[in-house]
Amino acid sequence: RPLSLVDSLQPPAGSPLVGSDGARYTLLREVPFDRDGDF
């Protein structure tokens, strides 16, 4: 569930990140866009 990932990767207090930034960054960093990737 995508929102489970958002909840798990909430930015810590004082972070410049907001909302789903942690989940967005993690997904695009960890999974290559041109081929399959394991999560």
PDB file of all heavy atoms in Angstrom:
ATOM      1  N   ARG A   1       0.845  -1.194   0.000  1.00  0.00           N
ATOM      2  CA  ARG A   1       0.000   0.000   0.000  1.00  0.00           C
ATOM      3  C   ARG A   1       0.882   1.246   0.000  1.00  0.00           C
ATOM      4  O   ARG A   1       1.717   1.419   0.898  1.00  0.00           O
ATOM      5  CB  ARG A   1      -0.933  -0.006   1.192  1.00  0.00           C
ATOM      6  CG  ARG A   1      -2.028  -1.074   1.100  1.00  0.00           C
ATOM      7  CD  ARG A   1      -2.954  -1.045   2.304  1.00  0.00           C
ATOM      8  NE  ARG A   1      -4.053  -1.982   2.128  1.00  0.00           N
ATOM      9  CZ  ARG A   1      -3.979  -3.287   2.379  1.00  0.00           C
ATOM     10  NH1 ARG A   1      -2.832  -3.786   2.832  1.00  0.00           N
ATOM     11  NH2 ARG A   1      -5.016  -4.072   2.192  1.00  0.00           N
ATOM     12  N   PRO A   2       0.690   2.147  -0.961  1.00  0.00           N
ATOM     13  CA  PRO A   2       1.549   3.341  -1.044  1.00  0.00           C
ATOM     14  C   PRO A   2       1.515   4.196   0.214  1.00  0.00           C
ATOM     15  O   PRO A   2       2.549   4.720   0.639  1.00  0.00           O
ATOM     16  CB  PRO A   2       0.957   4.108  -2.236  1.00  0.00           C
ATOM     17  CG  PRO A   2       0.215   3.102  -3.027  1.00  0.00           C
ATOM     18  CD  PRO A   2      -0.291   2.088  -2.054  1.00  0.00           C
ATOM     19  N   LEU A   3       0.347   4.333   0.840  1.00  0.00           N
ATOM     20  CA  LEU A   3       0.257   5.220   1.992  1.00  0.00           C
ATOM     21  C   LEU A   3       0.953   4.631   3.210  1.00  0.00           C
ATOM     22  O   LEU A   3       1.357   5.368   4.122  1.00  0.00           O
ATOM     23  CB  LEU A   3      -1.204   5.552   2.285  1.00  0.00           C
ATOM     24  CG  LEU A   3      -1.927   6.258   1.124  1.00  0.00           C
ATOM     25  CD1 LEU A   3      -3.295   6.745   1.564  1.00  0.00           C
ATOM     26  CD2 LEU A   3      -1.106   7.403   0.554  1.00  0.00           C
ATOM     27  N   SER A   4       1.133   3.302   3.235  1.00  0.00           N
ATOM     28  CA  SER A   4       1.928   2.694   4.296  1.00  0.00           C
ATOM     29  C   SER A   4       3.376   3.141   4.188  1.00  0.00           C
ATOM     30  O   SER A   4       4.042   3.407   5.198  1.00  0.00           O
ATOM     31  CB  SER A   4       1.844   1.162   4.217  1.00  0.00           C
ATOM     32  OG  SER A   4       0.531   0.714   4.414  1.00  0.00           O
ATOM     33  N   LEU A   5       3.867   3.243   2.955  1.00  0.00           N
ATOM     34  CA  LEU A   5       5.238   3.709   2.743  1.00  0.00           C
ATOM     35  C   LEU A   5       5.362   5.180   3.126  1.00  0.00           C
ATOM     36  O   LEU A   5       6.343   5.585   3.760  1.00  0.00           O
ATOM     37  CB  LEU A   5       5.637   3.508   1.278  1.00  0.00           C
ATOM     38  CG  LEU A   5       7.069   3.911   0.918  1.00  0.00           C
ATOM     39  CD1 LEU A   5       8.081   3.035   1.659  1.00  0.00           C
ATOM     40  CD2 LEU A   5       7.289   3.822  -0.587  1.00  0.00           C
ATOM     41  N   VAL A   6       4.360   5.987   2.756  1.00  0.00           N
ATOM     42  CA  VAL A   6       4.373   7.405   3.124  1.00  0.00           C
ATOM     43  C   VAL A   6       4.427   7.552   4.642  1.00  0.00           C
ATOM     44  O   VAL A   6       5.215   8.329   5.186  1.00  0.00           O
ATOM     45  CB  VAL A   6       3.136   8.123   2.562  1.00  0.00           C
ATOM     46  CG1 VAL A   6       3.075   9.564   3.073  1.00  0.00           C
ATOM     47  CG2 VAL A   6       3.169   8.122   1.037  1.00  0.00           C
ATOM     48  N   ASP A   7       3.594   6.777   5.352  1.00  0.00           N
ATOM     49  CA  ASP A   7       3.568   6.855   6.812  1.00  0.00           C
ATOM     50  C   ASP A   7       4.887   6.397   7.421  1.00  0.00           C
ATOM     51  O   ASP A   7       5.359   6.966   8.418  1.00  0.00           O
ATOM     52  CB  ASP A   7       2.418   6.001   7.359  1.00  0.00           C
ATOM     53  CG  ASP A   7       1.049   6.570   7.006  1.00  0.00           C
ATOM     54  OD1 ASP A   7       0.965   7.776   6.709  1.00  0.00           O
ATOM     55  OD2 ASP A   7       0.071   5.792   7.005  1.00  0.00           O
ATOM     56  N   SER A   8       5.490   5.363   6.826  1.00  0.00           N
ATOM     57  CA  SER A   8       6.748   4.825   7.367  1.00  0.00           C
ATOM     58  C   SER A   8       7.930   5.755   7.159  1.00  0.00           C
ATOM     59  O   SER A   8       8.892   5.720   7.916  1.00  0.00           O
ATOM     60  CB  SER A   8       7.057   3.466   6.714  1.00  0.00           C
ATOM     61  OG  SER A   8       6.045   2.525   6.972  1.00  0.00           O
ATOM     62  N   LEU A   9       7.853   6.581   6.129  1.00  0.00           N
ATOM     63  CA  LEU A   9       8.982   7.442   5.766  1.00  0.00           C
ATOM     64  C   LEU A   9       8.661   8.918   5.961  1.00  0.00           C
ATOM     65  O   LEU A   9       9.108   9.770   5.200  1.00  0.00           O
ATOM     66  CB  LEU A   9       9.389   7.168   4.309  1.00  0.00           C
ATOM     67  CG  LEU A   9       9.923   5.766   4.032  1.00  0.00           C
ATOM     68  CD1 LEU A   9      10.148   5.556   2.534  1.00  0.00           C
ATOM     69  CD2 LEU A   9      11.221   5.524   4.788  1.00  0.00           C
ATOM     70  N   GLN A  10       7.890   9.222   6.987  1.00  0.00           N
ATOM     71  CA  GLN A  10       7.613  10.610   7.300  1.00  0.00           C
ATOM     72  C   GLN A  10       8.901  11.343   7.680  1.00  0.00           C
ATOM     73  O   GLN A  10       9.711  10.820   8.463  1.00  0.00           O
ATOM     74  CB  GLN A  10       6.610  10.712   8.450  1.00  0.00           C
ATOM     75  CG  GLN A  10       5.165  10.510   8.024  1.00  0.00           C
ATOM     76  CD  GLN A  10       4.686  11.632   7.115  1.00  0.00           C
ATOM     77  OE1 GLN A  10       4.776  12.813   7.446  1.00  0.00           O
ATOM     78  NE2 GLN A  10       4.186  11.251   5.945  1.00  0.00           N
ATOM     79  N   PRO A  11       9.125  12.548   7.148  1.00  0.00           N
ATOM     80  CA  PRO A  11      10.336  13.297   7.507  1.00  0.00           C
ATOM     81  C   PRO A  11      10.381  13.604   9.004  1.00  0.00           C
ATOM     82  O   PRO A  11       9.340  13.883   9.613  1.00  0.00           O
ATOM     83  CB  PRO A  11      10.202  14.593   6.687  1.00  0.00           C
ATOM     84  CG  PRO A  11       9.253  14.252   5.584  1.00  0.00           C
ATOM     85  CD  PRO A  11       8.304  13.255   6.165  1.00  0.00           C
ATOM     86  N   PRO A  12      11.555  13.549   9.615  1.00  0.00           N
ATOM     87  CA  PRO A  12      11.666  13.870  11.045  1.00  0.00           C
ATOM     88  C   PRO A  12      11.450  15.357  11.312  1.00  0.00           C
ATOM     89  O   PRO A  12      11.534  16.176  10.390  1.00  0.00           O
ATOM     90  CB  PRO A  12      13.096  13.447  11.371  1.00  0.00           C
ATOM     91  CG  PRO A  12      13.835  13.558  10.081  1.00  0.00           C
ATOM     92  CD  PRO A  12      12.848  13.180   9.016  1.00  0.00           C
ATOM     93  N   ALA A  13      11.163  15.681  12.528  1.00  0.00           N
ATOM     94  CA  ALA A  13      10.973  17.079  12.906  1.00  0.00           C
ATOM     95  C   ALA A  13      12.215  17.895  12.552  1.00  0.00           C
ATOM     96  O   ALA A  13      13.356  17.460  12.765  1.00  0.00           O
ATOM     97  CB  ALA A  13      10.692  17.171  14.410  1.00  0.00           C
ATOM     98  N   GLY A  14      11.994  19.071  11.997  1.00  0.00           N
ATOM     99  CA  GLY A  14      13.101  19.939  11.619  1.00  0.00           C
ATOM    100  C   GLY A  14      13.664  19.683  10.247  1.00  0.00           C
ATOM    101  O   GLY A  14      14.532  20.429   9.767  1.00  0.00           O
ATOM    102  N   SER A  15      13.180  18.609   9.568  1.00  0.00           N
ATOM    103  CA  SER A  15      13.676  18.293   8.223  1.00  0.00           C
ATOM    104  C   SER A  15      13.080  19.254   7.201  1.00  0.00           C
ATOM    105  O   SER A  15      11.927  19.670   7.329  1.00  0.00           O
ATOM    106  CB  SER A  15      13.302  16.853   7.848  1.00  0.00           C
ATOM    107  OG  SER A  15      13.555  16.617   6.486  1.00  0.00           O
ATOM    108  N   PRO A  16      13.857  19.615   6.164  1.00  0.00           N
ATOM    109  CA  PRO A  16      13.286  20.446   5.088  1.00  0.00           C
ATOM    110  C   PRO A  16      12.297  19.673   4.218  1.00  0.00           C
ATOM    111  O   PRO A  16      11.567  20.259   3.426  1.00  0.00           O
ATOM    112  CB  PRO A  16      14.515  20.869   4.281  1.00  0.00           C
ATOM    113  CG  PRO A  16      15.525  19.782   4.532  1.00  0.00           C
ATOM    114  CD  PRO A  16      15.281  19.337   5.945  1.00  0.00           C
ATOM    115  N   LEU A  17      12.282  18.338   4.348  1.00  0.00           N
ATOM    116  CA  LEU A  17      11.339  17.525   3.593  1.00  0.00           C
ATOM    117  C   LEU A  17       9.949  17.625   4.214  1.00  0.00           C
ATOM    118  O   LEU A  17       9.803  17.874   5.413  1.00  0.00           O
ATOM    119  CB  LEU A  17      11.786  16.065   3.580  1.00  0.00           C
ATOM    120  CG  LEU A  17      13.164  15.765   2.999  1.00  0.00           C
ATOM    121  CD1 LEU A  17      13.458  14.282   3.111  1.00  0.00           C
ATOM    122  CD2 LEU A  17      13.263  16.214   1.547  1.00  0.00           C
ATOM    123  N   VAL A  18       8.918  17.421   3.385  1.00  0.00           N
ATOM    124  CA  VAL A  18       7.547  17.477   3.872  1.00  0.00           C
ATOM    125  C   VAL A  18       6.744  16.318   3.299  1.00  0.00           C
ATOM    126  O   VAL A  18       7.082  15.756   2.261  1.00  0.00           O
ATOM    127  CB  VAL A  18       6.854  18.810   3.472  1.00  0.00           C
ATOM    128  CG1 VAL A  18       7.533  19.996   4.130  1.00  0.00           C
ATOM    129  CG2 VAL A  18       6.832  18.970   1.955  1.00  0.00           C
ATOM    130  N   GLY A  19       5.653  15.967   4.007  1.00  0.00           N
ATOM    131  CA  GLY A  19       4.679  15.010   3.487  1.00  0.00           C
ATOM    132  C   GLY A  19       5.280  13.717   2.994  1.00  0.00           C
ATOM    133  O   GLY A  19       5.908  12.965   3.738  1.00  0.00           O
ATOM    134  N   SER A  20       5.120  13.477   1.691  1.00  0.00           N
ATOM    135  CA  SER A  20       5.562  12.218   1.088  1.00  0.00           C
ATOM    136  C   SER A  20       6.944  12.307   0.466  1.00  0.00           C
ATOM    137  O   SER A  20       7.337  11.416  -0.278  1.00  0.00           O
ATOM    138  CB  SER A  20       4.558  11.786   0.013  1.00  0.00           C
ATOM    139  OG  SER A  20       4.532  12.733  -1.046  1.00  0.00           O
ATOM    140  N   ASP A  21       7.697  13.365   0.758  1.00  0.00           N
ATOM    141  CA  ASP A  21       9.019  13.529   0.130  1.00  0.00           C
ATOM    142  C   ASP A  21       9.917  12.318   0.355  1.00  0.00           C
ATOM    143  O   ASP A  21      10.647  11.893  -0.541  1.00  0.00           O
ATOM    144  CB  ASP A  21       9.719  14.781   0.659  1.00  0.00           C
ATOM    145  CG  ASP A  21       9.169  16.065   0.059  1.00  0.00           C
ATOM    146  OD1 ASP A  21       8.363  15.971  -0.891  1.00  0.00           O
ATOM    147  OD2 ASP A  21       9.537  17.151   0.537  1.00  0.00           O
ATOM    148  N   GLY A  22       9.862  11.734   1.559  1.00  0.00           N
ATOM    149  CA  GLY A  22      10.703  10.576   1.841  1.00  0.00           C
ATOM    150  C   GLY A  22      10.343   9.393   0.979  1.00  0.00           C
ATOM    151  O   GLY A  22      11.219   8.710   0.422  1.00  0.00           O
ATOM    152  N   ALA A  23       9.038   9.131   0.829  1.00  0.00           N
ATOM    153  CA  ALA A  23       8.594   8.011   0.002  1.00  0.00           C
ATOM    154  C   ALA A  23       8.908   8.264  -1.470  1.00  0.00           C
ATOM    155  O   ALA A  23       9.352   7.362  -2.185  1.00  0.00           O
ATOM    156  CB  ALA A  23       7.095   7.790   0.189  1.00  0.00           C
ATOM    157  N   ARG A  24       8.676   9.477  -1.924  1.00  0.00           N
ATOM    158  CA  ARG A  24       8.947   9.822  -3.327  1.00  0.00           C
ATOM    159  C   ARG A  24      10.428   9.636  -3.644  1.00  0.00           C
ATOM    160  O   ARG A  24      10.795   9.015  -4.652  1.00  0.00           O
ATOM    161  CB  ARG A  24       8.522  11.271  -3.597  1.00  0.00           C
ATOM    162  CG  ARG A  24       7.011  11.500  -3.599  1.00  0.00           C
ATOM    163  CD  ARG A  24       6.666  12.987  -3.539  1.00  0.00           C
ATOM    164  NE  ARG A  24       7.198  13.715  -4.660  1.00  0.00           N
ATOM    165  CZ  ARG A  24       6.509  14.064  -5.754  1.00  0.00           C
ATOM    166  NH1 ARG A  24       5.235  13.721  -5.870  1.00  0.00           N
ATOM    167  NH2 ARG A  24       7.085  14.749  -6.725  1.00  0.00           N
ATOM    168  N   TYR A  25      11.286  10.172  -2.797  1.00  0.00           N
ATOM    169  CA  TYR A  25      12.724  10.071  -3.017  1.00  0.00           C
ATOM    170  C   TYR A  25      13.180   8.618  -3.017  1.00  0.00           C
ATOM    171  O   TYR A  25      13.951   8.184  -3.886  1.00  0.00           O
ATOM    172  CB  TYR A  25      13.459  10.869  -1.944  1.00  0.00           C
ATOM    173  CG  TYR A  25      14.965  10.670  -1.956  1.00  0.00           C
ATOM    174  CD1 TYR A  25      15.751  11.294  -2.926  1.00  0.00           C
ATOM    175  CD2 TYR A  25      15.593   9.854  -1.020  1.00  0.00           C
ATOM    176  CE1 TYR A  25      17.123  11.114  -2.950  1.00  0.00           C
ATOM    177  CE2 TYR A  25      16.964   9.664  -1.025  1.00  0.00           C
ATOM    178  CZ  TYR A  25      17.717  10.294  -2.009  1.00  0.00           C
ATOM    179  OH  TYR A  25      19.081  10.107  -2.032  1.00  0.00           O
ATOM    180  N   THR A  26      12.701   7.863  -2.031  1.00  0.00           N
ATOM    181  CA  THR A  26      13.127   6.472  -1.901  1.00  0.00           C
ATOM    182  C   THR A  26      12.737   5.639  -3.109  1.00  0.00           C
ATOM    183  O   THR A  26      13.548   4.877  -3.645  1.00  0.00           O
ATOM    184  CB  THR A  26      12.526   5.853  -0.627  1.00  0.00           C
ATOM    185  OG1 THR A  26      13.016   6.571   0.508  1.00  0.00           O
ATOM    186  CG2 THR A  26      12.903   4.385  -0.493  1.00  0.00           C
ATOM    187  N   LEU A  27      11.502   5.783  -3.552  1.00  0.00           N
ATOM    188  CA  LEU A  27      11.040   5.000  -4.703  1.00  0.00           C
ATOM    189  C   LEU A  27      11.863   5.303  -5.948  1.00  0.00           C
ATOM    190  O   LEU A  27      12.312   4.391  -6.655  1.00  0.00           O
ATOM    191  CB  LEU A  27       9.567   5.286  -4.985  1.00  0.00           C
ATOM    192  CG  LEU A  27       8.544   4.461  -4.215  1.00  0.00           C
ATOM    193  CD1 LEU A  27       7.141   4.929  -4.562  1.00  0.00           C
ATOM    194  CD2 LEU A  27       8.698   2.976  -4.526  1.00  0.00           C
ATOM    195  N   LEU A  28      12.064   6.581  -6.241  1.00  0.00           N
ATOM    196  CA  LEU A  28      12.769   6.932  -7.474  1.00  0.00           C
ATOM    197  C   LEU A  28      14.261   6.649  -7.388  1.00  0.00           C
ATOM    198  O   LEU A  28      14.910   6.429  -8.411  1.00  0.00           O
ATOM    199  CB  LEU A  28      12.520   8.403  -7.818  1.00  0.00           C
ATOM    200  CG  LEU A  28      11.067   8.747  -8.156  1.00  0.00           C
ATOM    201  CD1 LEU A  28      10.962  10.182  -8.644  1.00  0.00           C
ATOM    202  CD2 LEU A  28      10.498   7.800  -9.207  1.00  0.00           C
ATOM    203  N   ARG A  29      14.801   6.626  -6.176  1.00  0.00           N
ATOM    204  CA  ARG A  29      16.219   6.285  -6.034  1.00  0.00           C
ATOM    205  C   ARG A  29      16.453   4.786  -6.142  1.00  0.00           C
ATOM    206  O   ARG A  29      17.423   4.335  -6.764  1.00  0.00           O
ATOM    207  CB  ARG A  29      16.737   6.784  -4.681  1.00  0.00           C
ATOM    208  CG  ARG A  29      18.119   6.235  -4.339  1.00  0.00           C
ATOM    209  CD  ARG A  29      18.685   6.857  -3.105  1.00  0.00           C
ATOM    210  NE  ARG A  29      19.862   6.117  -2.655  1.00  0.00           N
ATOM    211  CZ  ARG A  29      20.751   6.580  -1.790  1.00  0.00           C
ATOM    212  NH1 ARG A  29      20.606   7.786  -1.270  1.00  0.00           N
ATOM    213  NH2 ARG A  29      21.774   5.842  -1.430  1.00  0.00           N
ATOM    214  N   GLU A  30      15.570   4.001  -5.537  1.00  0.00           N
ATOM    215  CA  GLU A  30      15.820   2.579  -5.394  1.00  0.00           C
ATOM    216  C   GLU A  30      15.380   1.730  -6.582  1.00  0.00           C
ATOM    217  O   GLU A  30      15.876   0.617  -6.756  1.00  0.00           O
ATOM    218  CB  GLU A  30      15.123   2.060  -4.130  1.00  0.00           C
ATOM    219  CG  GLU A  30      15.713   2.595  -2.841  1.00  0.00           C
ATOM    220  CD  GLU A  30      17.183   2.235  -2.703  1.00  0.00           C
ATOM    221  OE1 GLU A  30      17.504   1.030  -2.707  1.00  0.00           O
ATOM    222  OE2 GLU A  30      18.008   3.161  -2.612  1.00  0.00           O
ATOM    223  N   VAL A  31      14.430   2.212  -7.381  1.00  0.00           N
ATOM    224  CA  VAL A  31      13.882   1.390  -8.464  1.00  0.00           C
ATOM    225  C   VAL A  31      14.216   2.023  -9.802  1.00  0.00           C
ATOM    226  O   VAL A  31      13.773   3.139 -10.103  1.00  0.00           O
ATOM    227  CB  VAL A  31      12.349   1.234  -8.317  1.00  0.00           C
ATOM    228  CG1 VAL A  31      11.813   0.332  -9.422  1.00  0.00           C
ATOM    229  CG2 VAL A  31      11.991   0.666  -6.946  1.00  0.00           C
ATOM    230  N   PRO A  32      14.988   1.355 -10.661  1.00  0.00           N
ATOM    231  CA  PRO A  32      15.332   1.909 -11.977  1.00  0.00           C
ATOM    232  C   PRO A  32      14.081   2.036 -12.843  1.00  0.00           C
ATOM    233  O   PRO A  32      13.221   1.161 -12.831  1.00  0.00           O
ATOM    234  CB  PRO A  32      16.313   0.882 -12.559  1.00  0.00           C
ATOM    235  CG  PRO A  32      15.980  -0.393 -11.850  1.00  0.00           C
ATOM    236  CD  PRO A  32      15.531  -0.008 -10.472  1.00  0.00           C
ATOM    237  N   PHE A  33      13.971   3.127 -13.582  1.00  0.00           N
ATOM    238  CA  PHE A  33      12.732   3.388 -14.314  1.00  0.00           C
ATOM    239  C   PHE A  33      12.635   2.614 -15.621  1.00  0.00           C
ATOM    240  O   PHE A  33      11.541   2.396 -16.136  1.00  0.00           O
ATOM    241  CB  PHE A  33      12.590   4.889 -14.586  1.00  0.00           C
ATOM    242  CG  PHE A  33      11.166   5.327 -14.781  1.00  0.00           C
ATOM    243  CD1 PHE A  33      10.240   5.170 -13.766  1.00  0.00           C
ATOM    244  CD2 PHE A  33      10.747   5.882 -15.978  1.00  0.00           C
ATOM    245  CE1 PHE A  33       8.921   5.566 -13.930  1.00  0.00           C
ATOM    246  CE2 PHE A  33       9.437   6.285 -16.149  1.00  0.00           C
ATOM    247  CZ  PHE A  33       8.515   6.132 -15.122  1.00  0.00           C
ATOM    248  N   ASP A  34      13.756   2.185 -16.165  1.00  0.00           N
ATOM    249  CA  ASP A  34      13.722   1.544 -17.478  1.00  0.00           C
ATOM    250  C   ASP A  34      13.647   0.017 -17.398  1.00  0.00           C
ATOM    251  O   ASP A  34      13.623  -0.655 -18.419  1.00  0.00           O
ATOM    252  CB  ASP A  34      14.944   1.953 -18.299  1.00  0.00           C
ATOM    253  CG  ASP A  34      16.260   1.526 -17.664  1.00  0.00           C
ATOM    254  OD1 ASP A  34      16.271   1.266 -16.435  1.00  0.00           O
ATOM    255  OD2 ASP A  34      17.278   1.465 -18.377  1.00  0.00           O
ATOM    256  N   ARG A  35      13.591  -0.545 -16.194  1.00  0.00           N
ATOM    257  CA  ARG A  35      13.535  -2.001 -16.056  1.00  0.00           C
ATOM    258  C   ARG A  35      12.896  -2.354 -14.712  1.00  0.00           C
ATOM    259  O   ARG A  35      12.599  -1.477 -13.909  1.00  0.00           O
ATOM    260  CB  ARG A  35      14.936  -2.617 -16.159  1.00  0.00           C
ATOM    261  CG  ARG A  35      15.944  -2.058 -15.180  1.00  0.00           C
ATOM    262  CD  ARG A  35      17.362  -2.485 -15.557  1.00  0.00           C
ATOM    263  NE  ARG A  35      18.372  -1.992 -14.620  1.00  0.00           N
ATOM    264  CZ  ARG A  35      18.899  -0.771 -14.676  1.00  0.00           C
ATOM    265  NH1 ARG A  35      18.514   0.089 -15.595  1.00  0.00           N
ATOM    266  NH2 ARG A  35      19.831  -0.404 -13.804  1.00  0.00           N
ATOM    267  N   ASP A  36      12.681  -3.642 -14.487  1.00  0.00           N
ATOM    268  CA  ASP A  36      12.065  -4.078 -13.242  1.00  0.00           C
ATOM    269  C   ASP A  36      13.016  -3.864 -12.060  1.00  0.00           C
ATOM    270  O   ASP A  36      14.234  -3.894 -12.214  1.00  0.00           O
ATOM    271  CB  ASP A  36      11.715  -5.568 -13.310  1.00  0.00           C
ATOM    272  CG  ASP A  36      10.642  -5.868 -14.344  1.00  0.00           C
ATOM    273  OD1 ASP A  36      10.073  -4.911 -14.901  1.00  0.00           O
ATOM    274  OD2 ASP A  36      10.372  -7.059 -14.589  1.00  0.00           O
ATOM    275  N   GLY A  37      12.410  -3.661 -10.885  1.00  0.00           N
ATOM    276  CA  GLY A  37      13.215  -3.513  -9.675  1.00  0.00           C
ATOM    277  C   GLY A  37      12.493  -4.104  -8.482  1.00  0.00           C
ATOM    278  O   GLY A  37      11.268  -4.033  -8.382  1.00  0.00           O
ATOM    279  N   ASP A  38      13.245  -4.719  -7.575  1.00  0.00           N
ATOM    280  CA  ASP A  38      12.664  -5.288  -6.360  1.00  0.00           C
ATOM    281  C   ASP A  38      12.546  -4.211  -5.285  1.00  0.00           C
ATOM    282  O   ASP A  38      13.416  -3.343  -5.161  1.00  0.00           O
ATOM    283  CB  ASP A  38      13.518  -6.440  -5.836  1.00  0.00           C
ATOM    284  CG  ASP A  38      13.226  -7.736  -6.564  1.00  0.00           C
ATOM    285  OD1 ASP A  38      12.067  -8.165  -6.542  1.00  0.00           O
ATOM    286  OD2 ASP A  38      14.161  -8.307  -7.163  1.00  0.00           O
ATOM    287  N   PHE A  39      11.467  -4.297  -4.509  1.00  0.00           N
ATOM    288  CA  PHE A  39      11.255  -3.344  -3.423  1.00  0.00           C
ATOM    289  C   PHE A  39      11.259  -4.089  -2.095  1.00  0.00           C
ATOM    290  O   PHE A  39      10.592  -5.116  -1.947  1.00  0.00           O
ATOM    291  CB  PHE A  39       9.932  -2.606  -3.593  1.00  0.00           C
ATOM    292  CG  PHE A  39       9.644  -1.660  -2.466  1.00  0.00           C
ATOM    293  CD1 PHE A  39      10.246  -0.420  -2.425  1.00  0.00           C
ATOM    294  CD2 PHE A  39       8.796  -2.026  -1.433  1.00  0.00           C
ATOM    295  CE1 PHE A  39      10.010   0.452  -1.373  1.00  0.00           C
ATOM    296  CE2 PHE A  39       8.546  -1.160  -0.375  1.00  0.00           C
ATOM    297  CZ  PHE A  39       9.154   0.084  -0.353  1.00  0.00           C
TER     298      PHE A  39
END
